[in-house]
C-alpha atoms as a PDB file:
ATOM      1  CA  UNK A   1     -16.875  12.743  -2.039  1.00  0.00           C
ATOM      2  CA  UNK A   2     -15.581  11.709   1.370  1.00  0.00           C
ATOM      3  CA  UNK A   3     -14.657   8.069   1.744  1.00  0.00           C
ATOM      4  CA  UNK A   4     -15.894   6.336   4.888  1.00  0.00           C
ATOM      5  CA  UNK A   5     -13.153   4.490   6.763  1.00  0.00           C
ATOM      6  CA  UNK A   6     -13.297   1.972   9.594  1.00  0.00           C
ATOM      7  CA  UNK A   7     -10.214   1.163  11.699  1.00  0.00           C
ATOM      8  CA  UNK A   8      -9.656  -2.254  13.331  1.00  0.00           C
ATOM      9  CA  UNK A   9      -6.634  -2.757  15.581  1.00  0.00           C
ATOM     10  CA  UNK A  10      -6.162  -4.492  18.915  1.00  0.00           C
ATOM     11  CA  UNK A  11      -4.087  -1.666  20.424  1.00  0.00           C
ATOM     12  CA  UNK A  12      -5.851   1.463  21.613  1.00  0.00           C
ATOM     13  CA  UNK A  13      -2.682   3.461  21.078  1.00  0.00           C
ATOM     14  CA  UNK A  14      -2.575   2.420  17.412  1.00  0.00           C
ATOM     15  CA  UNK A  15      -6.247   3.301  16.961  1.00  0.00           C
ATOM     16  CA  UNK A  16      -5.537   6.751  18.353  1.00  0.00           C
ATOM     17  CA  UNK A  17      -2.441   7.185  16.177  1.00  0.00           C
ATOM     18  CA  UNK A  18      -4.293   6.284  12.973  1.00  0.00           C
ATOM     19  CA  UNK A  19      -7.196   8.529  13.913  1.00  0.00           C
ATOM     20  CA  UNK A  20      -4.808  11.425  14.492  1.00  0.00           C
ATOM     21  CA  UNK A  21      -3.062  10.792  11.157  1.00  0.00           C
ATOM     22  CA  UNK A  22      -6.318  10.781   9.185  1.00  0.00           C
ATOM     23  CA  UNK A  23      -8.883  12.898  11.018  1.00  0.00           C
ATOM     24  CA  UNK A  24      -7.888  16.158   9.300  1.00  0.00           C
ATOM     25  CA  UNK A  25      -8.056  14.677   5.790  1.00  0.00           C
ATOM     26  CA  UNK A  26     -10.911  16.331   3.951  1.00  0.00           C
ATOM     27  CA  UNK A  27     -11.639  13.278   1.815  1.00  0.00           C
ATOM     28  CA  UNK A  28     -11.789  10.827   4.730  1.00  0.00           C
ATOM     29  CA  UNK A  29     -14.464  10.281   7.380  1.00  0.00           C
ATOM     30  CA  UNK A  30     -13.685   7.813  10.168  1.00  0.00           C
ATOM     31  CA  UNK A  31     -16.997   6.076  10.817  1.00  0.00           C
ATOM     32  CA  UNK A  32     -15.939   3.481  13.363  1.00  0.00           C
ATOM     33  CA  UNK A  33     -13.220   1.777  15.370  1.00  0.00           C
ATOM     34  CA  UNK A  34     -12.857  -1.632  16.964  1.00  0.00           C
ATOM     35  CA  UNK A  35     -10.147  -3.514  18.811  1.00  0.00           C
ATOM     36  CA  UNK A  36     -11.669  -7.002  18.394  1.00  0.00           C
ATOM     37  CA  UNK A  37     -12.028  -9.092  15.254  1.00  0.00           C
ATOM     38  CA  UNK A  38     -15.414 -10.557  16.171  1.00  0.00           C
ATOM     39  CA  UNK A  39     -16.833  -7.006  16.373  1.00  0.00           C
ATOM     40  CA  UNK A  40     -15.690  -6.040  12.881  1.00  0.00           C
ATOM     41  CA  UNK A  41     -18.412  -7.557  10.686  1.00  0.00           C
ATOM     42  CA  UNK A  42     -21.341  -6.199  12.757  1.00  0.00           C
ATOM     43  CA  UNK A  43     -19.686  -2.776  12.792  1.00  0.00           C
ATOM     44  CA  UNK A  44     -19.228  -2.844   9.014  1.00  0.00           C
ATOM     45  CA  UNK A  45     -22.923  -3.657   8.702  1.00  0.00           C
ATOM     46  CA  UNK A  46     -23.877  -0.658  10.847  1.00  0.00           C
ATOM     47  CA  UNK A  47     -21.486   1.930   9.387  1.00  0.00           C
ATOM     48  CA  UNK A  48     -21.205   0.896   5.693  1.00  0.00           C
ATOM     49  CA  UNK A  49     -17.561   1.937   5.240  1.00  0.00           C
ATOM     50  CA  UNK A  50     -15.859   2.240   1.861  1.00  0.00           C
ATOM     51  CA  UNK A  51     -12.581   0.953   3.254  1.00  0.00           C
ATOM     52  CA  UNK A  52     -11.413  -0.995   6.305  1.00  0.00           C
ATOM     53  CA  UNK A  53      -7.936  -0.483   7.743  1.00  0.00           C
ATOM     54  CA  UNK A  54      -7.253  -3.856   9.347  1.00  0.00           C
ATOM     55  CA  UNK A  55      -4.635  -5.285  11.688  1.00  0.00           C
ATOM     56  CA  UNK A  56      -3.861  -9.003  11.300  1.00  0.00           C
ATOM     57  CA  UNK A  57      -3.537  -9.789  15.013  1.00  0.00           C
ATOM     58  CA  UNK A  58      -6.982  -9.310  16.505  1.00  0.00           C
ATOM     59  CA  UNK A  59      -8.651 -10.981  19.517  1.00  0.00           C
ATOM     60  CA  UNK A  60     -11.800 -12.965  18.889  1.00  0.00           C
ATOM     61  CA  UNK A  61     -11.100 -13.371  15.171  1.00  0.00           C
ATOM     62  CA  UNK A  62      -7.798 -12.849  13.404  1.00  0.00           C
ATOM     63  CA  UNK A  63      -7.351 -10.472  10.494  1.00  0.00           C
ATOM     64  CA  UNK A  64      -7.075 -13.170   7.841  1.00  0.00           C
ATOM     65  CA  UNK A  65     -10.450 -14.627   8.819  1.00  0.00           C
ATOM     66  CA  UNK A  66     -11.869 -11.105   8.858  1.00  0.00           C
ATOM     67  CA  UNK A  67     -10.597 -10.632   5.302  1.00  0.00           C
ATOM     68  CA  UNK A  68     -12.326 -13.824   4.167  1.00  0.00           C
ATOM     69  CA  UNK A  69     -15.652 -12.808   5.673  1.00  0.00           C
ATOM     70  CA  UNK A  70     -15.420  -9.242   4.407  1.00  0.00           C
ATOM     71  CA  UNK A  71     -14.855 -10.485   0.858  1.00  0.00           C
ATOM     72  CA  UNK A  72     -17.765 -12.909   1.203  1.00  0.00           C
ATOM     73  CA  UNK A  73     -20.316 -10.610   2.841  1.00  0.00           C
ATOM     74  CA  UNK A  74     -19.199  -7.121   1.803  1.00  0.00           C
ATOM     75  CA  UNK A  75     -17.383  -7.505  -1.527  1.00  0.00           C
ATOM     76  CA  UNK A  76     -17.594  -3.789  -2.320  1.00  0.00           C
ATOM     77  CA  UNK A  77     -15.671  -2.825   0.826  1.00  0.00           C
ATOM     78  CA  UNK A  78     -11.945  -2.469   0.177  1.00  0.00           C
ATOM     79  CA  UNK A  79      -9.630  -3.713   2.902  1.00  0.00           C
ATOM     80  CA  UNK A  80      -6.106  -2.439   3.567  1.00  0.00           C
ATOM     81  CA  UNK A  81      -3.957  -4.375   6.012  1.00  0.00           C
ATOM     82  CA  UNK A  82      -1.939  -2.242   8.426  1.00  0.00           C
ATOM     83  CA  UNK A  83       0.387  -4.625  10.222  1.00  0.00           C
ATOM     84  CA  UNK A  84       3.570  -4.796  12.241  1.00  0.00           C
ATOM     85  CA  UNK A  85       4.475  -8.049  10.447  1.00  0.00           C
ATOM     86  CA  UNK A  86       6.903  -8.252   7.543  1.00  0.00           C
ATOM     87  CA  UNK A  87       6.471 -12.007   7.061  1.00  0.00           C
ATOM     88  CA  UNK A  88       6.150 -12.746   3.309  1.00  0.00           C
ATOM     89  CA  UNK A  89       3.697 -15.527   4.134  1.00  0.00           C
ATOM     90  CA  UNK A  90       1.407 -13.077   5.900  1.00  0.00           C
ATOM     91  CA  UNK A  91       1.636 -10.661   2.985  1.00  0.00           C
ATOM     92  CA  UNK A  92       0.729 -13.350   0.450  1.00  0.00           C
ATOM     93  CA  UNK A  93      -2.082 -14.657   2.655  1.00  0.00           C
ATOM     94  CA  UNK A  94      -3.591 -11.188   2.985  1.00  0.00           C
ATOM     95  CA  UNK A  95      -3.578 -10.576  -0.770  1.00  0.00           C
ATOM     96  CA  UNK A  96      -4.996 -14.039  -1.420  1.00  0.00           C
ATOM     97  CA  UNK A  97      -7.945 -13.126   0.806  1.00  0.00           C
ATOM     98  CA  UNK A  98      -8.709  -9.886  -0.970  1.00  0.00           C
ATOM     99  CA  UNK A  99      -6.586  -7.152   0.633  1.00  0.00           C
ATOM    100  CA  UNK A 100      -5.880  -4.289  -1.766  1.00  0.00           C
ATOM    101  CA  UNK A 101      -2.734  -3.209   0.092  1.00  0.00           C
ATOM    102  CA  UNK A 102      -0.402  -4.356   2.847  1.00  0.00           C
ATOM    103  CA  UNK A 103       1.172  -1.500   4.799  1.00  0.00           C
ATOM    104  CA  UNK A 104       3.664  -1.864   7.609  1.00  0.00           C
ATOM    105  CA  UNK A 105       3.126   0.078  10.815  1.00  0.00           C
ATOM    106  CA  UNK A 106       6.557   1.621  10.373  1.00  0.00           C
ATOM    107  CA  UNK A 107       5.055   3.950   7.766  1.00  0.00           C
ATOM    108  CA  UNK A 108       5.457   7.670   8.398  1.00  0.00           C
ATOM    109  CA  UNK A 109       2.056   8.818   9.764  1.00  0.00           C
ATOM    110  CA  UNK A 110       2.183  11.767   7.396  1.00  0.00           C
ATOM    111  CA  UNK A 111       2.255   9.376   4.430  1.00  0.00           C
ATOM    112  CA  UNK A 112      -0.613   7.139   5.508  1.00  0.00           C
ATOM    113  CA  UNK A 113      -3.377   9.129   3.802  1.00  0.00           C
ATOM    114  CA  UNK A 114      -1.456   9.292   0.517  1.00  0.00           C
ATOM    115  CA  UNK A 115      -0.757   5.553   0.524  1.00  0.00           C
ATOM    116  CA  UNK A 116      -4.435   4.808   1.196  1.00  0.00           C
ATOM    117  CA  UNK A 117      -5.419   7.005  -1.743  1.00  0.00           C
ATOM    118  CA  UNK A 118      -2.960   5.185  -4.013  1.00  0.00           C
ATOM    119  CA  UNK A 119      -4.257   1.791  -2.908  1.00  0.00           C
ATOM    120  CA  UNK A 120      -7.876   2.755  -3.488  1.00  0.00           C
ATOM    121  CA  UNK A 121      -6.957   4.112  -6.920  1.00  0.00           C
ATOM    122  CA  UNK A 122      -5.934   0.595  -7.891  1.00  0.00           C
ATOM    123  CA  UNK A 123      -2.224   0.554  -7.124  1.00  0.00           C
ATOM    124  CA  UNK A 124      -1.580  -2.511  -4.980  1.00  0.00           C
ATOM    125  CA  UNK A 125       1.243  -2.018  -2.508  1.00  0.00           C
ATOM    126  CA  UNK A 126       3.366  -4.768  -1.065  1.00  0.00           C
ATOM    127  CA  UNK A 127       4.858  -4.355   2.354  1.00  0.00           C
ATOM    128  CA  UNK A 128       8.311  -2.800   2.312  1.00  0.00           C
ATOM    129  CA  UNK A 129      10.806  -5.607   2.785  1.00  0.00           C
ATOM    130  CA  UNK A 130       8.629  -8.234   1.082  1.00  0.00           C
ATOM    131  CA  UNK A 131      10.813 -10.709  -0.782  1.00  0.00           C
ATOM    132  CA  UNK A 132       8.211 -12.806  -2.549  1.00  0.00           C
ATOM    133  CA  UNK A 133       8.293 -13.490  -6.307  1.00  0.00           C
ATOM    134  CA  UNK A 134       7.468 -10.548  -8.517  1.00  0.00           C
ATOM    135  CA  UNK A 135       5.310 -11.812 -11.364  1.00  0.00           C
ATOM    136  CA  UNK A 136       4.842  -9.491 -14.354  1.00  0.00           C
ATOM    137  CA  UNK A 137       1.375  -8.074 -14.800  1.00  0.00           C
ATOM    138  CA  UNK A 138       1.286  -6.665 -18.333  1.00  0.00           C
ATOM    139  CA  UNK A 139      -2.369  -5.711 -18.048  1.00  0.00           C
ATOM    140  CA  UNK A 140      -1.508  -3.301 -15.216  1.00  0.00           C
ATOM    141  CA  UNK A 141       0.031  -0.163 -16.672  1.00  0.00           C
ATOM    142  CA  UNK A 142       2.180   2.270 -14.754  1.00  0.00           C
ATOM    143  CA  UNK A 143       0.449   5.360 -13.454  1.00  0.00           C
ATOM    144  CA  UNK A 144       1.588   8.832 -14.478  1.00  0.00           C
ATOM    145  CA  UNK A 145       3.403   9.256 -11.171  1.00  0.00           C
ATOM    146  CA  UNK A 146       5.123   5.873 -11.549  1.00  0.00           C
ATOM    147  CA  UNK A 147       6.342   6.785 -15.025  1.00  0.00           C
ATOM    148  CA  UNK A 148       7.713  10.047 -13.623  1.00  0.00           C
ATOM    149  CA  UNK A 149       9.578   8.065 -10.975  1.00  0.00           C
ATOM    150  CA  UNK A 150      11.016   5.639 -13.543  1.00  0.00           C
ATOM    151  CA  UNK A 151      12.217   8.591 -15.634  1.00  0.00           C
ATOM    152  CA  UNK A 152      13.912   9.970 -12.551  1.00  0.00           C
ATOM    153  CA  UNK A 153      15.492   6.559 -11.958  1.00  0.00           C
ATOM    154  CA  UNK A 154      16.869   6.659 -15.490  1.00  0.00           C
ATOM    155  CA  UNK A 155      18.570   9.944 -14.614  1.00  0.00           C
ATOM    156  CA  UNK A 156      20.297   8.226 -11.687  1.00  0.00           C
ATOM    157  CA  UNK A 157      18.261   9.656  -8.800  1.00  0.00           C
ATOM    158  CA  UNK A 158      18.697   8.010  -5.406  1.00  0.00           C
ATOM    159  CA  UNK A 159      15.722   7.281  -3.156  1.00  0.00           C
ATOM    160  CA  UNK A 160      16.515  10.360  -1.089  1.00  0.00           C
ATOM    161  CA  UNK A 161      16.612  12.514  -4.219  1.00  0.00           C
ATOM    162  CA  UNK A 162      13.321  11.020  -5.412  1.00  0.00           C
ATOM    163  CA  UNK A 163      11.710  11.766  -2.063  1.00  0.00           C
ATOM    164  CA  UNK A 164      12.843  15.384  -2.223  1.00  0.00           C
ATOM    165  CA  UNK A 165      11.809  15.829  -5.854  1.00  0.00           C
ATOM    166  CA  UNK A 166       8.313  14.354  -5.397  1.00  0.00           C
ATOM    167  CA  UNK A 167       7.707  15.716  -1.888  1.00  0.00           C
ATOM    168  CA  UNK A 168       7.331  12.230  -0.412  1.00  0.00           C
ATOM    169  CA  UNK A 169       9.063  10.358   2.372  1.00  0.00           C
ATOM    170  CA  UNK A 170      11.736   7.770   1.550  1.00  0.00           C
ATOM    171  CA  UNK A 171       9.355   5.135   2.915  1.00  0.00           C
ATOM    172  CA  UNK A 172       6.645   6.060   0.394  1.00  0.00           C
ATOM    173  CA  UNK A 173       9.197   6.083  -2.426  1.00  0.00           C
ATOM    174  CA  UNK A 174       9.976   2.470  -1.514  1.00  0.00           C
ATOM    175  CA  UNK A 175       6.277   1.648  -1.826  1.00  0.00           C
ATOM    176  CA  UNK A 176       6.195   3.204  -5.300  1.00  0.00           C
ATOM    177  CA  UNK A 177       9.329   1.362  -6.398  1.00  0.00           C
ATOM    178  CA  UNK A 178       8.035  -1.975  -5.130  1.00  0.00           C
ATOM    179  CA  UNK A 179       4.804  -1.453  -7.027  1.00  0.00           C
ATOM    180  CA  UNK A 180       6.702  -0.471 -10.188  1.00  0.00           C
ATOM    181  CA  UNK A 181       8.885  -3.578  -9.940  1.00  0.00           C
ATOM    182  CA  UNK A 182       5.805  -5.766  -9.510  1.00  0.00           C
ATOM    183  CA  UNK A 183       4.062  -4.305 -12.532  1.00  0.00           C
ATOM    184  CA  UNK A 184       7.125  -4.643 -14.742  1.00  0.00           C
ATOM    185  CA  UNK A 185       8.074  -8.079 -13.401  1.00  0.00           C
ATOM    186  CA  UNK A 186      11.572  -7.007 -12.328  1.00  0.00           C
ATOM    187  CA  UNK A 187      13.603  -6.965  -9.119  1.00  0.00           C
ATOM    188  CA  UNK A 188      15.770  -3.832  -9.307  1.00  0.00           C
ATOM    189  CA  UNK A 189      15.910  -0.287 -10.667  1.00  0.00           C
ATOM    190  CA  UNK A 190      18.247  -1.152 -13.549  1.00  0.00           C
ATOM    191  CA  UNK A 191      15.814  -3.755 -14.867  1.00  0.00           C
ATOM    192  CA  UNK A 192      12.889  -1.407 -14.288  1.00  0.00           C
ATOM    193  CA  UNK A 193      14.437   1.282 -16.467  1.00  0.00           C
ATOM    194  CA  UNK A 194      15.260  -1.197 -19.208  1.00  0.00           C
ATOM    195  CA  UNK A 195      11.767  -2.647 -19.174  1.00  0.00           C
ATOM    196  CA  UNK A 196      10.200   0.813 -19.204  1.00  0.00           C
ATOM    197  CA  UNK A 197      12.361   1.733 -22.187  1.00  0.00           C
ATOM    198  CA  UNK A 198      11.442  -1.459 -24.047  1.00  0.00           C
ATOM    199  CA  UNK A 199       7.760  -0.701 -23.436  1.00  0.00           C
ATOM    200  CA  UNK A 200       8.337   2.857 -24.710  1.00  0.00           C
ATOM    201  CA  UNK A 201       7.314   4.367 -21.399  1.00  0.00           C
ATOM    202  CA  UNK A 202      10.531   6.400 -21.272  1.00  0.00           C
ATOM    203  CA  UNK A 203      13.032   7.596 -23.855  1.00  0.00           C
ATOM    204  CA  UNK A 204      16.830   7.371 -23.994  1.00  0.00           C
ATOM    205  CA  UNK A 205      17.577   5.968 -20.544  1.00  0.00           C
ATOM    206  CA  UNK A 206      21.007   6.803 -19.202  1.00  0.00           C
ATOM    207  CA  UNK A 207      21.061   4.845 -15.987  1.00  0.00           C
ATOM    208  CA  UNK A 208      23.947   5.424 -13.632  1.00  0.00           C
ATOM    209  CA  UNK A 209      24.211   1.860 -12.360  1.00  0.00           C
ATOM    210  CA  UNK A 210      26.669   2.815  -9.636  1.00  0.00           C
ATOM    211  CA  UNK A 211      24.097   4.976  -7.861  1.00  0.00           C
ATOM    212  CA  UNK A 212      23.078   3.586  -4.477  1.00  0.00           C
ATOM    213  CA  UNK A 213      19.485   2.467  -4.011  1.00  0.00           C
ATOM    214  CA  UNK A 214      18.923   4.552  -0.897  1.00  0.00           C
END
């Protein structure tokens, strides 16, 4: 089934860039666009999207208020924030208001569709560079892909090697690692491998601690 997506951003150039990045995806149908926050809710009502890709800085109504109203009036619609901000406060505020992911606009356009799929599958992504507390979430298990990445970490792979092995950009690898750290309640790859081993997600870790993280 094709998911219906609505894009909200105050820059026409960004709207065009996102449309170009997603319009050839077979599982995605772009059903609407808006550059003003006050137009978002009526447009959602007319187009019934499955997901909204939302900028935080919008004229008429900011993105955080849009998130609140979307959660209140359209609770089944998933909202992904696509923002140029890397402020931890903005990240936390977006998640507190129901965002399922927070993606920076520095993302490689070729990775956008894959990150959206991961977010909608239930993997919550923090913005790259977020430095907020990472609380363990034991009820949230690692996905098969995340376990594969942790196993590769245990073998001493760098981010560049992971990107090459999994056919992903280095930016997307950082998203995966941040999500893994959040789920395991850790702050670095060494701790992630140890936690994964203790939870019997991997076997016989031989982590090369001197390996660079990028």
